[in-house]
PDB file of N, CA and C in Angstrom:
ATOM      1  N   MET A   1       0.837  -1.085   0.190  1.00  0.00           N
ATOM      2  CA  MET A   1       0.076   0.172   0.095  1.00  0.00           C
ATOM      3  C   MET A   1       0.873   1.408  -0.214  1.00  0.00           C
ATOM      4  N   GLN A   2       2.098   1.021   0.473  1.00  0.00           N
ATOM      5  CA  GLN A   2       3.147   2.072   0.646  1.00  0.00           C
ATOM      6  C   GLN A   2       3.719   2.307  -1.143  1.00  0.00           C
ATOM      7  N   ASP A   3       4.181   3.411  -1.442  1.00  0.00           N
ATOM      8  CA  ASP A   3       4.869   3.865  -2.336  1.00  0.00           C
ATOM      9  C   ASP A   3       6.416   3.149  -2.590  1.00  0.00           C
ATOM     10  N   THR A   4       6.415   1.871  -2.893  1.00  0.00           N
ATOM     11  CA  THR A   4       8.039   0.870  -2.990  1.00  0.00           C
ATOM     12  C   THR A   4       8.437   1.404  -4.139  1.00  0.00           C
ATOM     13  N   PHE A   5       9.825   1.239  -3.673  1.00  0.00           N
ATOM     14  CA  PHE A   5      11.191   1.345  -5.009  1.00  0.00           C
ATOM     15  C   PHE A   5      11.267  -0.265  -5.066  1.00  0.00           C
ATOM     16  N   TYR A   6      11.136  -0.465  -6.454  1.00  0.00           N
ATOM     17  CA  TYR A   6      11.010  -1.820  -7.242  1.00  0.00           C
ATOM     18  C   TYR A   6      12.531  -1.715  -7.705  1.00  0.00           C
ATOM     19  N   ILE A   7      13.297  -2.490  -7.394  1.00  0.00           N
ATOM     20  CA  ILE A   7      14.734  -2.747  -8.162  1.00  0.00           C
ATOM     21  C   ILE A   7      14.475  -3.571  -9.177  1.00  0.00           C
ATOM     22  N   THR A   8      13.745  -4.696  -9.416  1.00  0.00           N
ATOM     23  CA  THR A   8      13.226  -5.533 -10.361  1.00  0.00           C
ATOM     24  C   THR A   8      12.241  -5.917 -10.011  1.00  0.00           C
ATOM     25  N   ASN A   9      11.336  -6.999 -10.605  1.00  0.00           N
ATOM     26  CA  ASN A   9      10.046  -7.395 -10.731  1.00  0.00           C
ATOM     27  C   ASN A   9       9.953  -8.233  -9.343  1.00  0.00           C
ATOM     28  N   GLU A  10      11.027  -8.776  -8.988  1.00  0.00           N
ATOM     29  CA  GLU A  10      11.033  -9.616  -7.647  1.00  0.00           C
ATOM     30  C   GLU A  10      11.837  -8.948  -6.489  1.00  0.00           C
ATOM     31  N   ILE A  11      12.352  -7.839  -6.831  1.00  0.00           N
ATOM     32  CA  ILE A  11      13.288  -7.272  -5.611  1.00  0.00           C
ATOM     33  C   ILE A  11      12.794  -6.098  -5.227  1.00  0.00           C
ATOM     34  N   LEU A  12      12.388  -5.450  -4.231  1.00  0.00           N
ATOM     35  CA  LEU A  12      12.111  -4.208  -3.826  1.00  0.00           C
ATOM     36  C   LEU A  12      12.648  -3.841  -2.571  1.00  0.00           C
ATOM     37  N   LEU A  13      12.782  -2.416  -2.457  1.00  0.00           N
ATOM     38  CA  LEU A  13      13.280  -1.887  -0.620  1.00  0.00           C
ATOM     39  C   LEU A  13      12.339  -1.730  -0.218  1.00  0.00           C
ATOM     40  N   ARG A  14      12.444  -2.225   1.459  1.00  0.00           N
ATOM     41  CA  ARG A  14      11.018  -2.269   2.301  1.00  0.00           C
ATOM     42  C   ARG A  14      11.029  -1.112   2.803  1.00  0.00           C
ATOM     43  N   THR A  15       9.452  -0.754   2.748  1.00  0.00           N
ATOM     44  CA  THR A  15       8.774   0.375   3.053  1.00  0.00           C
ATOM     45  C   THR A  15       8.529   0.566   4.734  1.00  0.00           C
ATOM     46  N   HIS A  16       8.874  -0.445   5.405  1.00  0.00           N
ATOM     47  CA  HIS A  16       8.895  -0.598   7.049  1.00  0.00           C
ATOM     48  C   HIS A  16       9.558  -1.582   7.481  1.00  0.00           C
ATOM     49  N   THR A  17       9.429  -1.812   8.792  1.00  0.00           N
ATOM     50  CA  THR A  17      10.369  -2.723   9.412  1.00  0.00           C
ATOM     51  C   THR A  17       9.257  -3.827  10.334  1.00  0.00           C
ATOM     52  N   SER A  18       7.767  -3.683  10.182  1.00  0.00           N
ATOM     53  CA  SER A  18       6.784  -4.440  11.113  1.00  0.00           C
ATOM     54  C   SER A  18       6.870  -6.087  10.662  1.00  0.00           C
ATOM     55  N   PRO A  19       7.068  -6.243   9.303  1.00  0.00           N
ATOM     56  CA  PRO A  19       7.401  -7.733   8.894  1.00  0.00           C
ATOM     57  C   PRO A  19       8.474  -8.414  10.014  1.00  0.00           C
ATOM     58  N   VAL A  20       9.247  -7.589  10.454  1.00  0.00           N
ATOM     59  CA  VAL A  20      10.191  -8.580  11.366  1.00  0.00           C
ATOM     60  C   VAL A  20       9.711  -9.013  12.510  1.00  0.00           C
ATOM     61  N   GLN A  21       8.556  -8.249  13.002  1.00  0.00           N
ATOM     62  CA  GLN A  21       7.867  -8.352  14.137  1.00  0.00           C
ATOM     63  C   GLN A  21       7.141  -9.686  14.124  1.00  0.00           C
ATOM     64  N   ALA A  22       6.204  -9.930  12.948  1.00  0.00           N
ATOM     65  CA  ALA A  22       5.564 -10.843  12.500  1.00  0.00           C
ATOM     66  C   ALA A  22       6.351 -12.169  12.432  1.00  0.00           C
ATOM     67  N   ARG A  23       7.353 -12.376  11.696  1.00  0.00           N
ATOM     68  CA  ARG A  23       8.256 -13.379  11.699  1.00  0.00           C
ATOM     69  C   ARG A  23       8.849 -13.811  13.166  1.00  0.00           C
ATOM     70  N   THR A  24       9.418 -12.645  13.702  1.00  0.00           N
ATOM     71  CA  THR A  24       9.817 -13.281  15.267  1.00  0.00           C
ATOM     72  C   THR A  24       8.533 -13.802  15.797  1.00  0.00           C
ATOM     73  N   MET A  25       7.499 -13.063  15.851  1.00  0.00           N
ATOM     74  CA  MET A  25       6.462 -13.497  16.956  1.00  0.00           C
ATOM     75  C   MET A  25       6.308 -15.306  16.387  1.00  0.00           C
ATOM     76  N   ASP A  26       6.161 -15.558  14.848  1.00  0.00           N
ATOM     77  CA  ASP A  26       6.024 -16.638  14.788  1.00  0.00           C
ATOM     78  C   ASP A  26       7.148 -18.107  14.849  1.00  0.00           C
ATOM     79  N   LYS A  27       8.420 -17.451  15.077  1.00  0.00           N
ATOM     80  CA  LYS A  27       9.231 -17.991  15.406  1.00  0.00           C
ATOM     81  C   LYS A  27       9.518 -18.400  16.755  1.00  0.00           C
ATOM     82  N   HIS A  28       9.029 -17.533  17.546  1.00  0.00           N
ATOM     83  CA  HIS A  28       9.575 -17.461  18.974  1.00  0.00           C
ATOM     84  C   HIS A  28       8.997 -18.534  19.966  1.00  0.00           C
ATOM     85  N   ASP A  29       9.605 -19.355  20.528  1.00  0.00           N
ATOM     86  CA  ASP A  29       9.317 -20.202  21.633  1.00  0.00           C
ATOM     87  C   ASP A  29       8.469 -19.712  22.931  1.00  0.00           C
ATOM     88  N   PHE A  30       7.311 -19.579  22.684  1.00  0.00           N
ATOM     89  CA  PHE A  30       6.637 -18.949  24.068  1.00  0.00           C
ATOM     90  C   PHE A  30       6.865 -19.717  25.466  1.00  0.00           C
ATOM     91  N   THR A  31       7.110 -20.930  25.556  1.00  0.00           N
ATOM     92  CA  THR A  31       7.064 -22.001  26.333  1.00  0.00           C
ATOM     93  C   THR A  31       8.693 -21.699  27.402  1.00  0.00           C
ATOM     94  N   LYS A  32       9.516 -21.157  26.525  1.00  0.00           N
ATOM     95  CA  LYS A  32      10.849 -20.888  27.106  1.00  0.00           C
ATOM     96  C   LYS A  32      10.727 -19.387  27.633  1.00  0.00           C
ATOM     97  N   GLY A  33       9.753 -18.441  27.810  1.00  0.00           N
ATOM     98  CA  GLY A  33       9.681 -17.274  28.098  1.00  0.00           C
ATOM     99  C   GLY A  33       9.160 -15.943  27.346  1.00  0.00           C
ATOM    100  N   PRO A  34       9.013 -14.939  27.717  1.00  0.00           N
ATOM    101  CA  PRO A  34       8.552 -13.944  26.916  1.00  0.00           C
ATOM    102  C   PRO A  34       9.437 -13.594  25.903  1.00  0.00           C
ATOM    103  N   LEU A  35       8.458 -12.535  24.634  1.00  0.00           N
ATOM    104  CA  LEU A  35       9.282 -12.062  23.871  1.00  0.00           C
ATOM    105  C   LEU A  35       9.564 -10.766  23.925  1.00  0.00           C
ATOM    106  N   LYS A  36      10.798 -10.368  23.830  1.00  0.00           N
ATOM    107  CA  LYS A  36      11.281  -8.714  23.546  1.00  0.00           C
ATOM    108  C   LYS A  36      12.375  -8.732  22.736  1.00  0.00           C
ATOM    109  N   MET A  37      11.774  -8.049  21.600  1.00  0.00           N
ATOM    110  CA  MET A  37      12.719  -7.553  20.593  1.00  0.00           C
ATOM    111  C   MET A  37      12.736  -6.203  20.053  1.00  0.00           C
ATOM    112  N   ILE A  38      13.487  -5.419  19.507  1.00  0.00           N
ATOM    113  CA  ILE A  38      13.576  -4.202  18.940  1.00  0.00           C
ATOM    114  C   ILE A  38      13.994  -4.442  17.388  1.00  0.00           C
ATOM    115  N   SER A  39      13.682  -3.904  16.647  1.00  0.00           N
ATOM    116  CA  SER A  39      13.538  -4.123  14.928  1.00  0.00           C
ATOM    117  C   SER A  39      14.147  -2.702  14.451  1.00  0.00           C
ATOM    118  N   PRO A  40      15.436  -2.392  14.391  1.00  0.00           N
ATOM    119  CA  PRO A  40      15.810  -0.975  13.850  1.00  0.00           C
ATOM    120  C   PRO A  40      16.093  -1.545  12.093  1.00  0.00           C
ATOM    121  N   GLY A  41      16.256  -0.384  11.192  1.00  0.00           N
ATOM    122  CA  GLY A  41      16.574  -0.615  10.130  1.00  0.00           C
ATOM    123  C   GLY A  41      16.210   0.599   9.178  1.00  0.00           C
ATOM    124  N   LYS A  42      16.894   0.569   7.725  1.00  0.00           N
ATOM    125  CA  LYS A  42      16.762   1.396   6.943  1.00  0.00           C
ATOM    126  C   LYS A  42      15.709   1.140   6.219  1.00  0.00           C
ATOM    127  N   VAL A  43      14.345   2.085   5.782  1.00  0.00           N
ATOM    128  CA  VAL A  43      13.416   2.135   5.007  1.00  0.00           C
ATOM    129  C   VAL A  43      13.548   2.963   3.660  1.00  0.00           C
ATOM    130  N   TYR A  44      12.444   2.701   3.187  1.00  0.00           N
ATOM    131  CA  TYR A  44      12.711   3.590   1.503  1.00  0.00           C
ATOM    132  C   TYR A  44      11.266   3.715   1.207  1.00  0.00           C
ATOM    133  N   ARG A  45      10.912   5.101   0.594  1.00  0.00           N
ATOM    134  CA  ARG A  45       9.773   5.169   0.274  1.00  0.00           C
ATOM    135  C   ARG A  45       9.682   6.283  -1.022  1.00  0.00           C
ATOM    136  N   ARG A  46       8.917   6.459  -1.731  1.00  0.00           N
ATOM    137  CA  ARG A  46       9.017   6.937  -2.855  1.00  0.00           C
ATOM    138  C   ARG A  46       8.539   8.641  -2.549  1.00  0.00           C
ATOM    139  N   ASP A  47       9.130   9.220  -1.564  1.00  0.00           N
ATOM    140  CA  ASP A  47       8.706  10.393  -1.307  1.00  0.00           C
ATOM    141  C   ASP A  47       9.648  11.552  -2.016  1.00  0.00           C
ATOM    142  N   SER A  48       9.393  12.672  -2.155  1.00  0.00           N
ATOM    143  CA  SER A  48      10.484  13.643  -2.940  1.00  0.00           C
ATOM    144  C   SER A  48      11.107  14.199  -1.774  1.00  0.00           C
ATOM    145  N   ASP A  49      12.542  14.264  -1.718  1.00  0.00           N
ATOM    146  CA  ASP A  49      13.316  14.785  -0.939  1.00  0.00           C
ATOM    147  C   ASP A  49      13.251  16.399  -0.738  1.00  0.00           C
ATOM    148  N   ASP A  50      12.571  16.741   0.244  1.00  0.00           N
ATOM    149  CA  ASP A  50      12.769  18.261   0.748  1.00  0.00           C
ATOM    150  C   ASP A  50      13.166  18.399   2.051  1.00  0.00           C
ATOM    151  N   ALA A  51      13.018  19.568   2.677  1.00  0.00           N
ATOM    152  CA  ALA A  51      13.613  19.780   4.149  1.00  0.00           C
ATOM    153  C   ALA A  51      12.572  19.036   5.029  1.00  0.00           C
ATOM    154  N   THR A  52      11.712  18.394   4.985  1.00  0.00           N
ATOM    155  CA  THR A  52      10.943  17.420   5.822  1.00  0.00           C
ATOM    156  C   THR A  52      10.642  16.151   5.281  1.00  0.00           C
ATOM    157  N   HIS A  53      11.289  15.568   4.171  1.00  0.00           N
ATOM    158  CA  HIS A  53      11.049  14.260   3.821  1.00  0.00           C
ATOM    159  C   HIS A  53      12.355  13.733   2.906  1.00  0.00           C
ATOM    160  N   SER A  54      12.465  12.576   3.254  1.00  0.00           N
ATOM    161  CA  SER A  54      13.751  11.967   2.684  1.00  0.00           C
ATOM    162  C   SER A  54      12.929  10.586   1.832  1.00  0.00           C
ATOM    163  N   HIS A  55      13.887  10.211   0.777  1.00  0.00           N
ATOM    164  CA  HIS A  55      13.336   8.733   0.425  1.00  0.00           C
ATOM    165  C   HIS A  55      13.982   7.662   1.159  1.00  0.00           C
ATOM    166  N   GLN A  56      14.802   7.913   1.979  1.00  0.00           N
ATOM    167  CA  GLN A  56      15.307   6.739   3.053  1.00  0.00           C
ATOM    168  C   GLN A  56      15.510   7.567   4.430  1.00  0.00           C
ATOM    169  N   PHE A  57      15.300   6.452   5.306  1.00  0.00           N
ATOM    170  CA  PHE A  57      15.194   7.042   6.837  1.00  0.00           C
ATOM    171  C   PHE A  57      15.633   5.778   7.502  1.00  0.00           C
ATOM    172  N   HIS A  58      15.773   5.838   8.745  1.00  0.00           N
ATOM    173  CA  HIS A  58      15.515   4.943   9.938  1.00  0.00           C
ATOM    174  C   HIS A  58      14.185   4.611  10.716  1.00  0.00           C
ATOM    175  N   GLN A  59      13.888   3.462  10.946  1.00  0.00           N
ATOM    176  CA  GLN A  59      12.786   3.110  11.682  1.00  0.00           C
ATOM    177  C   GLN A  59      13.207   2.083  12.755  1.00  0.00           C
ATOM    178  N   MET A  60      12.523   2.500  13.899  1.00  0.00           N
ATOM    179  CA  MET A  60      12.462   1.484  14.958  1.00  0.00           C
ATOM    180  C   MET A  60      11.352   1.079  15.535  1.00  0.00           C
ATOM    181  N   GLU A  61      11.032  -0.234  16.031  1.00  0.00           N
ATOM    182  CA  GLU A  61      10.070  -0.670  16.452  1.00  0.00           C
ATOM    183  C   GLU A  61      10.734  -1.435  17.625  1.00  0.00           C
ATOM    184  N   GLY A  62       9.925  -1.698  18.664  1.00  0.00           N
ATOM    185  CA  GLY A  62       9.883  -2.384  19.626  1.00  0.00           C
ATOM    186  C   GLY A  62       8.438  -3.481  20.018  1.00  0.00           C
ATOM    187  N   LEU A  63       9.099  -4.381  20.526  1.00  0.00           N
ATOM    188  CA  LEU A  63       7.798  -5.403  20.898  1.00  0.00           C
ATOM    189  C   LEU A  63       8.155  -6.189  22.086  1.00  0.00           C
ATOM    190  N   VAL A  64       7.047  -6.330  23.123  1.00  0.00           N
ATOM    191  CA  VAL A  64       7.064  -7.244  24.063  1.00  0.00           C
ATOM    192  C   VAL A  64       6.018  -7.865  24.172  1.00  0.00           C
ATOM    193  N   VAL A  65       5.972  -9.207  24.289  1.00  0.00           N
ATOM    194  CA  VAL A  65       4.512 -10.015  24.420  1.00  0.00           C
ATOM    195  C   VAL A  65       5.029 -11.106  25.716  1.00  0.00           C
ATOM    196  N   ALA A  66       4.102 -10.795  26.675  1.00  0.00           N
ATOM    197  CA  ALA A  66       4.263 -11.477  28.195  1.00  0.00           C
ATOM    198  C   ALA A  66       3.086 -11.234  28.651  1.00  0.00           C
ATOM    199  N   LYS A  67       2.857 -11.938  29.840  1.00  0.00           N
ATOM    200  CA  LYS A  67       1.779 -11.631  31.088  1.00  0.00           C
ATOM    201  C   LYS A  67       2.298 -10.320  31.909  1.00  0.00           C
ATOM    202  N   ASP A  68       1.187  -9.654  32.318  1.00  0.00           N
ATOM    203  CA  ASP A  68       1.291  -8.559  33.187  1.00  0.00           C
ATOM    204  C   ASP A  68       2.164  -7.261  32.634  1.00  0.00           C
ATOM    205  N   ILE A  69       2.137  -6.988  31.353  1.00  0.00           N
ATOM    206  CA  ILE A  69       2.665  -6.096  31.080  1.00  0.00           C
ATOM    207  C   ILE A  69       1.997  -4.841  30.565  1.00  0.00           C
ATOM    208  N   THR A  70       2.139  -3.689  30.948  1.00  0.00           N
ATOM    209  CA  THR A  70       1.273  -2.521  31.157  1.00  0.00           C
ATOM    210  C   THR A  70       1.856  -1.369  30.140  1.00  0.00           C
ATOM    211  N   MET A  71       1.265  -0.478  29.979  1.00  0.00           N
ATOM    212  CA  MET A  71       1.435   0.672  29.513  1.00  0.00           C
ATOM    213  C   MET A  71       2.633   1.496  30.342  1.00  0.00           C
ATOM    214  N   GLY A  72       2.659   1.384  31.692  1.00  0.00           N
ATOM    215  CA  GLY A  72       3.514   2.084  32.334  1.00  0.00           C
ATOM    216  C   GLY A  72       5.115   1.305  32.268  1.00  0.00           C
ATOM    217  N   ASP A  73       5.075   0.145  31.843  1.00  0.00           N
ATOM    218  CA  ASP A  73       6.116  -0.835  31.520  1.00  0.00           C
ATOM    219  C   ASP A  73       6.697  -0.070  29.910  1.00  0.00           C
ATOM    220  N   PHE A  74       5.774  -0.076  29.019  1.00  0.00           N
ATOM    221  CA  PHE A  74       6.174   0.952  27.849  1.00  0.00           C
ATOM    222  C   PHE A  74       6.572   2.268  28.092  1.00  0.00           C
ATOM    223  N   LYS A  75       5.892   3.097  29.072  1.00  0.00           N
ATOM    224  CA  LYS A  75       6.316   4.353  29.348  1.00  0.00           C
ATOM    225  C   LYS A  75       8.243   4.611  29.971  1.00  0.00           C
ATOM    226  N   ARG A  76       8.012   3.553  30.760  1.00  0.00           N
ATOM    227  CA  ARG A  76       9.327   3.439  31.432  1.00  0.00           C
ATOM    228  C   ARG A  76      10.562   3.198  30.729  1.00  0.00           C
ATOM    229  N   ASN A  77      10.121   2.197  29.718  1.00  0.00           N
ATOM    230  CA  ASN A  77      11.365   1.781  28.889  1.00  0.00           C
ATOM    231  C   ASN A  77      11.513   2.821  27.823  1.00  0.00           C
ATOM    232  N   VAL A  78      10.424   3.695  27.350  1.00  0.00           N
ATOM    233  CA  VAL A  78      10.613   4.581  26.220  1.00  0.00           C
ATOM    234  C   VAL A  78      11.466   5.761  27.078  1.00  0.00           C
ATOM    235  N   ARG A  79      11.143   6.092  28.149  1.00  0.00           N
ATOM    236  CA  ARG A  79      12.151   7.130  28.764  1.00  0.00           C
ATOM    237  C   ARG A  79      13.256   6.791  29.278  1.00  0.00           C
ATOM    238  N   SER A  80      13.658   5.478  29.559  1.00  0.00           N
ATOM    239  CA  SER A  80      14.950   5.000  29.713  1.00  0.00           C
ATOM    240  C   SER A  80      15.919   4.925  28.488  1.00  0.00           C
ATOM    241  N   PHE A  81      14.966   4.765  27.506  1.00  0.00           N
ATOM    242  CA  PHE A  81      15.761   4.984  25.965  1.00  0.00           C
ATOM    243  C   PHE A  81      16.051   6.135  25.620  1.00  0.00           C
ATOM    244  N   CYS A  82      15.235   7.236  25.628  1.00  0.00           N
ATOM    245  CA  CYS A  82      15.361   8.411  25.188  1.00  0.00           C
ATOM    246  C   CYS A  82      16.611   9.161  26.412  1.00  0.00           C
TER     247      CYS A  82
END
């Protein structure tokens, strides 16, 4: 749905890092504990470069899947990171 950069009909540059989360959740063995991950990476979109947009930028997503996780945990982690 995003405007993508196709290199060939079979190869394109990724527009976001979200598929990493889906693959990681699919492969994770939850019997061994909660899932905690960060997915950084370069992404590309067909934007015209100007003072506020670039065709290439960095995106970072984080994911935690566990029991008793709250928004308070999220806020604490974001504050710690920043």
